[in-house]
């Protein structure tokens, strides 16, 4: 019974060893793939365009679809 439960893990290890070991290591080290420096490294490796750091995610807000808050004194 125990071997049947672990067989999908061994199949993934045999078919894609680099991806499996990379995911296993990131899980052991508790790396969050959406935080820096891991995110910037993944973006650079995958060739994803990285927005400038001073631009908030989702653009510059000129499309008007994002609610904005104001403070009135």
C-alpha atoms as a PDB file:
ATOM      1  CA  UNK A   1       0.000   0.000   0.000  1.00  0.00           C
ATOM      2  CA  UNK A   2       2.762   2.435   0.868  1.00  0.00           C
ATOM      3  CA  UNK A   3       4.536   1.827  -2.460  1.00  0.00           C
ATOM      4  CA  UNK A   4       1.363   2.621  -4.437  1.00  0.00           C
ATOM      5  CA  UNK A   5       1.061   5.988  -2.709  1.00  0.00           C
ATOM      6  CA  UNK A   6       4.656   6.922  -3.531  1.00  0.00           C
ATOM      7  CA  UNK A   7       4.676   5.662  -7.127  1.00  0.00           C
ATOM      8  CA  UNK A   8       3.557   9.034  -8.658  1.00  0.00           C
ATOM      9  CA  UNK A   9       6.476  10.740  -6.924  1.00  0.00           C
ATOM     10  CA  UNK A  10       8.971   8.223  -8.306  1.00  0.00           C
ATOM     11  CA  UNK A  11       7.450   8.487 -11.793  1.00  0.00           C
ATOM     12  CA  UNK A  12       7.919  12.268 -11.794  1.00  0.00           C
ATOM     13  CA  UNK A  13      11.474  11.843 -10.528  1.00  0.00           C
ATOM     14  CA  UNK A  14      12.300   9.458 -13.373  1.00  0.00           C
ATOM     15  CA  UNK A  15      10.599  11.480 -16.140  1.00  0.00           C
ATOM     16  CA  UNK A  16      11.736  14.993 -15.144  1.00  0.00           C
ATOM     17  CA  UNK A  17      14.603  14.739 -12.649  1.00  0.00           C
ATOM     18  CA  UNK A  18      15.857  18.329 -12.889  1.00  0.00           C
ATOM     19  CA  UNK A  19      12.412  19.898 -12.457  1.00  0.00           C
ATOM     20  CA  UNK A  20      11.537  17.498  -9.658  1.00  0.00           C
ATOM     21  CA  UNK A  21      14.746  18.096  -7.729  1.00  0.00           C
ATOM     22  CA  UNK A  22      14.462  21.854  -8.239  1.00  0.00           C
ATOM     23  CA  UNK A  23      10.937  21.851  -6.844  1.00  0.00           C
ATOM     24  CA  UNK A  24      11.967  19.550  -4.015  1.00  0.00           C
ATOM     25  CA  UNK A  25      14.892  21.819  -3.070  1.00  0.00           C
ATOM     26  CA  UNK A  26      12.730  24.946  -3.197  1.00  0.00           C
ATOM     27  CA  UNK A  27      10.206  23.220  -0.949  1.00  0.00           C
ATOM     28  CA  UNK A  28      12.878  22.205   1.539  1.00  0.00           C
ATOM     29  CA  UNK A  29      14.320  25.718   1.588  1.00  0.00           C
ATOM     30  CA  UNK A  30      10.798  27.203   1.742  1.00  0.00           C
ATOM     31  CA  UNK A  31      11.464  29.529  -1.168  1.00  0.00           C
ATOM     32  CA  UNK A  32       8.525  31.603  -2.323  1.00  0.00           C
ATOM     33  CA  UNK A  33       8.640  31.791  -6.113  1.00  0.00           C
ATOM     34  CA  UNK A  34       6.798  35.115  -6.166  1.00  0.00           C
ATOM     35  CA  UNK A  35       9.340  36.981  -4.000  1.00  0.00           C
ATOM     36  CA  UNK A  36      12.673  38.506  -4.932  1.00  0.00           C
ATOM     37  CA  UNK A  37      15.382  37.381  -5.731  1.00  0.00           C
ATOM     38  CA  UNK A  38      13.792  34.138  -6.953  1.00  0.00           C
ATOM     39  CA  UNK A  39      11.120  35.936  -9.012  1.00  0.00           C
ATOM     40  CA  UNK A  40      13.605  38.133 -10.861  1.00  0.00           C
ATOM     41  CA  UNK A  41      15.861  35.160 -11.570  1.00  0.00           C
ATOM     42  CA  UNK A  42      12.923  33.123 -12.922  1.00  0.00           C
ATOM     43  CA  UNK A  43      11.762  36.055 -15.051  1.00  0.00           C
ATOM     44  CA  UNK A  44      15.260  36.472 -16.469  1.00  0.00           C
ATOM     45  CA  UNK A  45      15.615  32.742 -17.186  1.00  0.00           C
ATOM     46  CA  UNK A  46      12.196  32.482 -18.815  1.00  0.00           C
ATOM     47  CA  UNK A  47      12.649  35.680 -20.838  1.00  0.00           C
ATOM     48  CA  UNK A  48       9.682  37.470 -19.280  1.00  0.00           C
ATOM     49  CA  UNK A  49       9.672  41.257 -19.518  1.00  0.00           C
ATOM     50  CA  UNK A  50      10.098  42.699 -16.034  1.00  0.00           C
ATOM     51  CA  UNK A  51       8.233  45.984 -15.371  1.00  0.00           C
ATOM     52  CA  UNK A  52      10.253  48.844 -13.861  1.00  0.00           C
ATOM     53  CA  UNK A  53      10.336  48.747 -10.084  1.00  0.00           C
ATOM     54  CA  UNK A  54       8.700  52.182  -9.663  1.00  0.00           C
ATOM     55  CA  UNK A  55       5.599  51.180 -11.663  1.00  0.00           C
ATOM     56  CA  UNK A  56       2.913  49.476  -9.589  1.00  0.00           C
ATOM     57  CA  UNK A  57       1.730  46.092 -10.862  1.00  0.00           C
ATOM     58  CA  UNK A  58      -1.183  46.490 -13.222  1.00  0.00           C
ATOM     59  CA  UNK A  59       0.127  49.527 -15.056  1.00  0.00           C
ATOM     60  CA  UNK A  60       0.006  53.231 -14.337  1.00  0.00           C
ATOM     61  CA  UNK A  61      -3.697  53.354 -13.430  1.00  0.00           C
ATOM     62  CA  UNK A  62      -4.656  55.529 -16.391  1.00  0.00           C
ATOM     63  CA  UNK A  63      -7.260  53.040 -17.608  1.00  0.00           C
ATOM     64  CA  UNK A  64      -9.662  54.105 -14.836  1.00  0.00           C
ATOM     65  CA  UNK A  65     -10.725  50.584 -13.939  1.00  0.00           C
ATOM     66  CA  UNK A  66      -8.793  50.516 -10.669  1.00  0.00           C
ATOM     67  CA  UNK A  67     -10.379  52.329  -7.708  1.00  0.00           C
ATOM     68  CA  UNK A  68      -8.154  54.940  -6.160  1.00  0.00           C
ATOM     69  CA  UNK A  69      -8.228  56.253  -2.630  1.00  0.00           C
ATOM     70  CA  UNK A  70      -7.753  59.840  -1.564  1.00  0.00           C
ATOM     71  CA  UNK A  71      -7.255  61.459   1.817  1.00  0.00           C
ATOM     72  CA  UNK A  72      -9.183  64.614   2.722  1.00  0.00           C
ATOM     73  CA  UNK A  73      -7.887  66.639   5.654  1.00  0.00           C
END
